Amino acid sequence: GRALSRVRAPTLLIVGGNDVPVIAMNEEALEQLRSEKKLVIVPGATHLFEEPGALEEVARLAADWFGRYLGGQSLAG
């Protein structure tokens, strides 16, 4: 719990819309984060995003987030 309040990196939380227990956990985590943060719920998706198009949506969301916060920086350092 307390560790989340020390996170300084921008944090994206992605959860499936049908993964109700994990939605609640992520909402609690979101409240504790003090950094730039966002929670995205993928409608109709379950925990492993196995539904058609769900994993692709997760990849798109993550790529957009990393593009926004890493910009032209190399992932290799």
PDB file of N, CA and C in Angstrom:
ATOM      1  N   GLY A   1       0.794  -1.194   0.000  1.00  0.00           N
ATOM      2  CA  GLY A   1       0.000   0.000   0.000  1.00  0.00           C
ATOM      3  C   GLY A   1       0.840   1.263   0.000  1.00  0.00           C
ATOM      4  N   ARG A   2       1.702   1.410   1.003  1.00  0.00           N
ATOM      5  CA  ARG A   2       2.477   2.644   1.130  1.00  0.00           C
ATOM      6  C   ARG A   2       3.474   2.805  -0.003  1.00  0.00           C
ATOM      7  N   ALA A   3       3.942   1.714  -0.559  1.00  0.00           N
ATOM      8  CA  ALA A   3       4.916   1.797  -1.650  1.00  0.00           C
ATOM      9  C   ALA A   3       4.337   2.524  -2.855  1.00  0.00           C
ATOM     10  N   LEU A   4       3.060   2.361  -3.113  1.00  0.00           N
ATOM     11  CA  LEU A   4       2.450   3.020  -4.271  1.00  0.00           C
ATOM     12  C   LEU A   4       2.537   4.533  -4.174  1.00  0.00           C
ATOM     13  N   SER A   5       2.449   5.072  -2.991  1.00  0.00           N
ATOM     14  CA  SER A   5       2.516   6.528  -2.837  1.00  0.00           C
ATOM     15  C   SER A   5       3.912   7.070  -3.117  1.00  0.00           C
ATOM     16  N   ARG A   6       4.914   6.184  -3.177  1.00  0.00           N
ATOM     17  CA  ARG A   6       6.286   6.608  -3.470  1.00  0.00           C
ATOM     18  C   ARG A   6       6.638   6.491  -4.950  1.00  0.00           C
ATOM     19  N   VAL A   7       5.764   5.901  -5.741  1.00  0.00           N
ATOM     20  CA  VAL A   7       6.014   5.757  -7.179  1.00  0.00           C
ATOM     21  C   VAL A   7       6.028   7.141  -7.813  1.00  0.00           C
ATOM     22  N   ARG A   8       7.046   7.414  -8.622  1.00  0.00           N
ATOM     23  CA  ARG A   8       7.160   8.707  -9.297  1.00  0.00           C
ATOM     24  C   ARG A   8       6.997   8.570 -10.807  1.00  0.00           C
ATOM     25  N   ALA A   9       7.104   7.373 -11.323  1.00  0.00           N
ATOM     26  CA  ALA A   9       6.983   7.154 -12.772  1.00  0.00           C
ATOM     27  C   ALA A   9       5.519   7.224 -13.191  1.00  0.00           C
ATOM     28  N   PRO A  10       5.246   7.770 -14.369  1.00  0.00           N
ATOM     29  CA  PRO A  10       3.881   7.730 -14.896  1.00  0.00           C
ATOM     30  C   PRO A  10       3.409   6.278 -14.957  1.00  0.00           C
ATOM     31  N   THR A  11       2.200   6.030 -14.517  1.00  0.00           N
ATOM     32  CA  THR A  11       1.711   4.660 -14.372  1.00  0.00           C
ATOM     33  C   THR A  11       0.376   4.470 -15.076  1.00  0.00           C
ATOM     34  N   LEU A  12       0.339   3.485 -15.967  1.00  0.00           N
ATOM     35  CA  LEU A  12      -0.881   3.118 -16.681  1.00  0.00           C
ATOM     36  C   LEU A  12      -1.366   1.782 -16.146  1.00  0.00           C
ATOM     37  N   LEU A  13      -2.601   1.746 -15.694  1.00  0.00           N
ATOM     38  CA  LEU A  13      -3.232   0.516 -15.227  1.00  0.00           C
ATOM     39  C   LEU A  13      -4.294   0.127 -16.251  1.00  0.00           C
ATOM     40  N   ILE A  14      -4.225  -1.108 -16.738  1.00  0.00           N
ATOM     41  CA  ILE A  14      -5.183  -1.588 -17.735  1.00  0.00           C
ATOM     42  C   ILE A  14      -5.828  -2.845 -17.177  1.00  0.00           C
ATOM     43  N   VAL A  15      -7.151  -2.880 -17.203  1.00  0.00           N
ATOM     44  CA  VAL A  15      -7.871  -4.028 -16.646  1.00  0.00           C
ATOM     45  C   VAL A  15      -9.071  -4.350 -17.533  1.00  0.00           C
ATOM     46  N   GLY A  16      -9.413  -5.626 -17.594  1.00  0.00           N
ATOM     47  CA  GLY A  16     -10.576  -6.047 -18.367  1.00  0.00           C
ATOM     48  C   GLY A  16     -11.874  -5.668 -17.673  1.00  0.00           C
ATOM     49  N   GLY A  17     -12.851  -5.264 -18.441  1.00  0.00           N
ATOM     50  CA  GLY A  17     -14.133  -4.840 -17.902  1.00  0.00           C
ATOM     51  C   GLY A  17     -14.900  -5.936 -17.185  1.00  0.00           C
ATOM     52  N   ASN A  18     -14.604  -7.195 -17.497  1.00  0.00           N
ATOM     53  CA  ASN A  18     -15.278  -8.316 -16.838  1.00  0.00           C
ATOM     54  C   ASN A  18     -14.478  -8.875 -15.668  1.00  0.00           C
ATOM     55  N   ASP A  19     -13.367  -8.240 -15.342  1.00  0.00           N
ATOM     56  CA  ASP A  19     -12.490  -8.700 -14.264  1.00  0.00           C
ATOM     57  C   ASP A  19     -12.754  -7.859 -13.008  1.00  0.00           C
ATOM     58  N   VAL A  20     -13.955  -8.024 -12.462  1.00  0.00           N
ATOM     59  CA  VAL A  20     -14.461  -7.152 -11.396  1.00  0.00           C
ATOM     60  C   VAL A  20     -13.530  -7.055 -10.181  1.00  0.00           C
ATOM     61  N   PRO A  21     -13.008  -8.162  -9.640  1.00  0.00           N
ATOM     62  CA  PRO A  21     -12.127  -8.024  -8.468  1.00  0.00           C
ATOM     63  C   PRO A  21     -10.872  -7.204  -8.776  1.00  0.00           C
ATOM     64  N   VAL A  22     -10.344  -7.366  -9.973  1.00  0.00           N
ATOM     65  CA  VAL A  22      -9.125  -6.645 -10.344  1.00  0.00           C
ATOM     66  C   VAL A  22      -9.428  -5.173 -10.612  1.00  0.00           C
ATOM     67  N   ILE A  23     -10.617  -4.876 -11.101  1.00  0.00           N
ATOM     68  CA  ILE A  23     -11.010  -3.472 -11.269  1.00  0.00           C
ATOM     69  C   ILE A  23     -10.960  -2.778  -9.910  1.00  0.00           C
ATOM     70  N   ALA A  24     -11.534  -3.409  -8.900  1.00  0.00           N
ATOM     71  CA  ALA A  24     -11.543  -2.818  -7.556  1.00  0.00           C
ATOM     72  C   ALA A  24     -10.126  -2.617  -7.027  1.00  0.00           C
ATOM     73  N   MET A  25      -9.253  -3.600  -7.220  1.00  0.00           N
ATOM     74  CA  MET A  25      -7.866  -3.469  -6.762  1.00  0.00           C
ATOM     75  C   MET A  25      -7.158  -2.323  -7.472  1.00  0.00           C
ATOM     76  N   ASN A  26      -7.392  -2.195  -8.771  1.00  0.00           N
ATOM     77  CA  ASN A  26      -6.749  -1.133  -9.539  1.00  0.00           C
ATOM     78  C   ASN A  26      -7.297   0.239  -9.168  1.00  0.00           C
ATOM     79  N   GLU A  27      -8.569   0.321  -8.848  1.00  0.00           N
ATOM     80  CA  GLU A  27      -9.138   1.600  -8.392  1.00  0.00           C
ATOM     81  C   GLU A  27      -8.502   2.029  -7.071  1.00  0.00           C
ATOM     82  N   GLU A  28      -8.271   1.072  -6.185  1.00  0.00           N
ATOM     83  CA  GLU A  28      -7.602   1.375  -4.919  1.00  0.00           C
ATOM     84  C   GLU A  28      -6.166   1.820  -5.166  1.00  0.00           C
ATOM     85  N   ALA A  29      -5.472   1.118  -6.056  1.00  0.00           N
ATOM     86  CA  ALA A  29      -4.093   1.487  -6.383  1.00  0.00           C
ATOM     87  C   ALA A  29      -4.038   2.882  -6.984  1.00  0.00           C
ATOM     88  N   LEU A  30      -4.971   3.192  -7.860  1.00  0.00           N
ATOM     89  CA  LEU A  30      -5.012   4.502  -8.509  1.00  0.00           C
ATOM     90  C   LEU A  30      -5.113   5.620  -7.469  1.00  0.00           C
ATOM     91  N   GLU A  31      -5.917   5.405  -6.447  1.00  0.00           N
ATOM     92  CA  GLU A  31      -6.077   6.408  -5.392  1.00  0.00           C
ATOM     93  C   GLU A  31      -4.779   6.642  -4.623  1.00  0.00           C
ATOM     94  N   GLN A  32      -3.954   5.610  -4.492  1.00  0.00           N
ATOM     95  CA  GLN A  32      -2.724   5.717  -3.708  1.00  0.00           C
ATOM     96  C   GLN A  32      -1.563   6.304  -4.503  1.00  0.00           C
ATOM     97  N   LEU A  33      -1.617   6.192  -5.819  1.00  0.00           N
ATOM     98  CA  LEU A  33      -0.536   6.717  -6.651  1.00  0.00           C
ATOM     99  C   LEU A  33      -0.524   8.237  -6.604  1.00  0.00           C
ATOM    100  N   ARG A  34       0.655   8.820  -6.530  1.00  0.00           N
ATOM    101  CA  ARG A  34       0.808  10.276  -6.516  1.00  0.00           C
ATOM    102  C   ARG A  34       1.453  10.779  -7.805  1.00  0.00           C
ATOM    103  N   SER A  35       1.816   9.874  -8.674  1.00  0.00           N
ATOM    104  CA  SER A  35       2.425  10.233  -9.954  1.00  0.00           C
ATOM    105  C   SER A  35       1.329  10.453 -10.999  1.00  0.00           C
ATOM    106  N   GLU A  36       1.752  10.833 -12.206  1.00  0.00           N
ATOM    107  CA  GLU A  36       0.815  10.869 -13.333  1.00  0.00           C
ATOM    108  C   GLU A  36       0.268   9.453 -13.472  1.00  0.00           C
ATOM    109  N   LYS A  37      -1.037   9.324 -13.622  1.00  0.00           N
ATOM    110  CA  LYS A  37      -1.634   7.989 -13.596  1.00  0.00           C
ATOM    111  C   LYS A  37      -2.900   7.956 -14.423  1.00  0.00           C
ATOM    112  N   LYS A  38      -3.240   6.738 -14.848  1.00  0.00           N
ATOM    113  CA  LYS A  38      -4.472   6.551 -15.611  1.00  0.00           C
ATOM    114  C   LYS A  38      -4.903   5.096 -15.464  1.00  0.00           C
ATOM    115  N   LEU A  39      -6.200   4.894 -15.305  1.00  0.00           N
ATOM    116  CA  LEU A  39      -6.792   3.557 -15.286  1.00  0.00           C
ATOM    117  C   LEU A  39      -7.676   3.439 -16.509  1.00  0.00           C
ATOM    118  N   VAL A  40      -7.422   2.410 -17.314  1.00  0.00           N
ATOM    119  CA  VAL A  40      -8.244   2.155 -18.494  1.00  0.00           C
ATOM    120  C   VAL A  40      -8.890   0.790 -18.330  1.00  0.00           C
ATOM    121  N   ILE A  41     -10.194   0.740 -18.497  1.00  0.00           N
ATOM    122  CA  ILE A  41     -10.938  -0.516 -18.438  1.00  0.00           C
ATOM    123  C   ILE A  41     -11.328  -0.888 -19.861  1.00  0.00           C
ATOM    124  N   VAL A  42     -10.884  -2.068 -20.299  1.00  0.00           N
ATOM    125  CA  VAL A  42     -11.182  -2.550 -21.645  1.00  0.00           C
ATOM    126  C   VAL A  42     -12.524  -3.282 -21.589  1.00  0.00           C
ATOM    127  N   PRO A  43     -13.569  -2.708 -22.190  1.00  0.00           N
ATOM    128  CA  PRO A  43     -14.906  -3.301 -22.119  1.00  0.00           C
ATOM    129  C   PRO A  43     -14.935  -4.734 -22.664  1.00  0.00           C
ATOM    130  N   GLY A  44     -15.634  -5.614 -21.944  1.00  0.00           N
ATOM    131  CA  GLY A  44     -15.837  -6.980 -22.397  1.00  0.00           C
ATOM    132  C   GLY A  44     -14.645  -7.902 -22.246  1.00  0.00           C
ATOM    133  N   ALA A  45     -13.532  -7.391 -21.729  1.00  0.00           N
ATOM    134  CA  ALA A  45     -12.326  -8.214 -21.604  1.00  0.00           C
ATOM    135  C   ALA A  45     -12.266  -8.877 -20.232  1.00  0.00           C
ATOM    136  N   THR A  46     -11.656 -10.057 -20.202  1.00  0.00           N
ATOM    137  CA  THR A  46     -11.430 -10.770 -18.950  1.00  0.00           C
ATOM    138  C   THR A  46      -9.982 -10.562 -18.514  1.00  0.00           C
ATOM    139  N   HIS A  47      -9.556 -11.288 -17.500  1.00  0.00           N
ATOM    140  CA  HIS A  47      -8.252 -11.078 -16.870  1.00  0.00           C
ATOM    141  C   HIS A  47      -7.075 -11.189 -17.840  1.00  0.00           C
ATOM    142  N   LEU A  48      -7.106 -12.146 -18.729  1.00  0.00           N
ATOM    143  CA  LEU A  48      -5.978 -12.367 -19.642  1.00  0.00           C
ATOM    144  C   LEU A  48      -6.176 -11.726 -21.013  1.00  0.00           C
ATOM    145  N   PHE A  49      -7.241 -10.961 -21.179  1.00  0.00           N
ATOM    146  CA  PHE A  49      -7.518 -10.264 -22.444  1.00  0.00           C
ATOM    147  C   PHE A  49      -7.526 -11.229 -23.632  1.00  0.00           C
ATOM    148  N   GLU A  50      -8.190 -12.381 -23.455  1.00  0.00           N
ATOM    149  CA  GLU A  50      -8.208 -13.415 -24.494  1.00  0.00           C
ATOM    150  C   GLU A  50      -9.280 -13.193 -25.555  1.00  0.00           C
ATOM    151  N   GLU A  51     -10.166 -12.251 -25.345  1.00  0.00           N
ATOM    152  CA  GLU A  51     -11.249 -11.991 -26.293  1.00  0.00           C
ATOM    153  C   GLU A  51     -10.675 -11.360 -27.566  1.00  0.00           C
ATOM    154  N   PRO A  52     -11.329 -11.604 -28.715  1.00  0.00           N
ATOM    155  CA  PRO A  52     -10.833 -11.034 -29.973  1.00  0.00           C
ATOM    156  C   PRO A  52     -10.656  -9.515 -29.877  1.00  0.00           C
ATOM    157  N   GLY A  53      -9.465  -9.065 -30.201  1.00  0.00           N
ATOM    158  CA  GLY A  53      -9.160  -7.643 -30.227  1.00  0.00           C
ATOM    159  C   GLY A  53      -8.754  -7.040 -28.892  1.00  0.00           C
ATOM    160  N   ALA A  54      -8.971  -7.762 -27.794  1.00  0.00           N
ATOM    161  CA  ALA A  54      -8.689  -7.192 -26.467  1.00  0.00           C
ATOM    162  C   ALA A  54      -7.194  -6.979 -26.242  1.00  0.00           C
ATOM    163  N   LEU A  55      -6.393  -7.977 -26.558  1.00  0.00           N
ATOM    164  CA  LEU A  55      -4.950  -7.848 -26.348  1.00  0.00           C
ATOM    165  C   LEU A  55      -4.356  -6.780 -27.267  1.00  0.00           C
ATOM    166  N   GLU A  56      -4.900  -6.674 -28.462  1.00  0.00           N
ATOM    167  CA  GLU A  56      -4.451  -5.630 -29.385  1.00  0.00           C
ATOM    168  C   GLU A  56      -4.758  -4.248 -28.816  1.00  0.00           C
ATOM    169  N   GLU A  57      -5.905  -4.114 -28.160  1.00  0.00           N
ATOM    170  CA  GLU A  57      -6.265  -2.845 -27.524  1.00  0.00           C
ATOM    171  C   GLU A  57      -5.303  -2.524 -26.385  1.00  0.00           C
ATOM    172  N   VAL A  58      -4.942  -3.528 -25.602  1.00  0.00           N
ATOM    173  CA  VAL A  58      -3.974  -3.333 -24.520  1.00  0.00           C
ATOM    174  C   VAL A  58      -2.637  -2.870 -25.098  1.00  0.00           C
ATOM    175  N   ALA A  59      -2.197  -3.517 -26.171  1.00  0.00           N
ATOM    176  CA  ALA A  59      -0.929  -3.135 -26.804  1.00  0.00           C
ATOM    177  C   ALA A  59      -0.983  -1.703 -27.318  1.00  0.00           C
ATOM    178  N   ARG A  60      -2.099  -1.312 -27.915  1.00  0.00           N
ATOM    179  CA  ARG A  60      -2.243   0.052 -28.430  1.00  0.00           C
ATOM    180  C   ARG A  60      -2.209   1.070 -27.291  1.00  0.00           C
ATOM    181  N   LEU A  61      -2.938   0.775 -26.222  1.00  0.00           N
ATOM    182  CA  LEU A  61      -2.951   1.670 -25.062  1.00  0.00           C
ATOM    183  C   LEU A  61      -1.553   1.832 -24.472  1.00  0.00           C
ATOM    184  N   ALA A  62      -0.847   0.716 -24.325  1.00  0.00           N
ATOM    185  CA  ALA A  62       0.508   0.761 -23.767  1.00  0.00           C
ATOM    186  C   ALA A  62       1.454   1.524 -24.691  1.00  0.00           C
ATOM    187  N   ALA A  63       1.370   1.274 -25.993  1.00  0.00           N
ATOM    188  CA  ALA A  63       2.240   1.974 -26.945  1.00  0.00           C
ATOM    189  C   ALA A  63       1.989   3.475 -26.907  1.00  0.00           C
ATOM    190  N   ASP A  64       0.735   3.873 -26.850  1.00  0.00           N
ATOM    191  CA  ASP A  64       0.402   5.301 -26.756  1.00  0.00           C
ATOM    192  C   ASP A  64       0.974   5.909 -25.474  1.00  0.00           C
ATOM    193  N   TRP A  65       0.830   5.187 -24.375  1.00  0.00           N
ATOM    194  CA  TRP A  65       1.324   5.678 -23.083  1.00  0.00           C
ATOM    195  C   TRP A  65       2.847   5.838 -23.110  1.00  0.00           C
ATOM    196  N   PHE A  66       3.537   4.789 -23.582  1.00  0.00           N
ATOM    197  CA  PHE A  66       4.997   4.867 -23.638  1.00  0.00           C
ATOM    198  C   PHE A  66       5.452   5.949 -24.605  1.00  0.00           C
ATOM    199  N   GLY A  67       4.765   6.081 -25.723  1.00  0.00           N
ATOM    200  CA  GLY A  67       5.101   7.137 -26.674  1.00  0.00           C
ATOM    201  C   GLY A  67       4.953   8.514 -26.057  1.00  0.00           C
ATOM    202  N   ARG A  68       3.933   8.675 -25.263  1.00  0.00           N
ATOM    203  CA  ARG A  68       3.690   9.968 -24.605  1.00  0.00           C
ATOM    204  C   ARG A  68       4.776  10.295 -23.588  1.00  0.00           C
ATOM    205  N   TYR A  69       5.177   9.308 -22.793  1.00  0.00           N
ATOM    206  CA  TYR A  69       6.101   9.577 -21.693  1.00  0.00           C
ATOM    207  C   TYR A  69       7.564   9.305 -22.014  1.00  0.00           C
ATOM    208  N   LEU A  70       7.829   8.495 -23.026  1.00  0.00           N
ATOM    209  CA  LEU A  70       9.218   8.249 -23.400  1.00  0.00           C
ATOM    210  C   LEU A  70       9.623   9.047 -24.626  1.00  0.00           C
ATOM    211  N   GLY A  71       8.637   9.430 -25.414  1.00  0.00           N
ATOM    212  CA  GLY A  71       8.925  10.217 -26.609  1.00  0.00           C
ATOM    213  C   GLY A  71       9.987   9.563 -27.464  1.00  0.00           C
ATOM    214  N   GLY A  72      11.034  10.289 -27.755  1.00  0.00           N
ATOM    215  CA  GLY A  72      12.103   9.781 -28.604  1.00  0.00           C
ATOM    216  C   GLY A  72      13.173   9.023 -27.858  1.00  0.00           C
ATOM    217  N   GLN A  73      12.987   8.804 -26.557  1.00  0.00           N
ATOM    218  CA  GLN A  73      14.003   8.104 -25.782  1.00  0.00           C
ATOM    219  C   GLN A  73      14.098   6.651 -26.208  1.00  0.00           C
ATOM    220  N   SER A  74      15.283   6.128 -26.200  1.00  0.00           N
ATOM    221  CA  SER A  74      15.504   4.725 -26.516  1.00  0.00           C
ATOM    222  C   SER A  74      15.129   3.867 -25.318  1.00  0.00           C
ATOM    223  N   LEU A  75      14.440   2.773 -25.572  1.00  0.00           N
ATOM    224  CA  LEU A  75      14.101   1.850 -24.483  1.00  0.00           C
ATOM    225  C   LEU A  75      15.341   1.150 -23.950  1.00  0.00           C
ATOM    226  N   ALA A  76      16.403   1.108 -24.762  1.00  0.00           N
ATOM    227  CA  ALA A  76      17.644   0.454 -24.345  1.00  0.00           C
ATOM    228  C   ALA A  76      18.467   1.353 -23.422  1.00  0.00           C
ATOM    229  N   GLY A  77      18.077   2.604 -23.305  1.00  0.00           N
ATOM    230  CA  GLY A  77      18.799   3.508 -22.409  1.00  0.00           C
ATOM    231  C   GLY A  77      19.610   4.419 -23.218  1.00  0.00           C
TER     232      GLY A  77
END
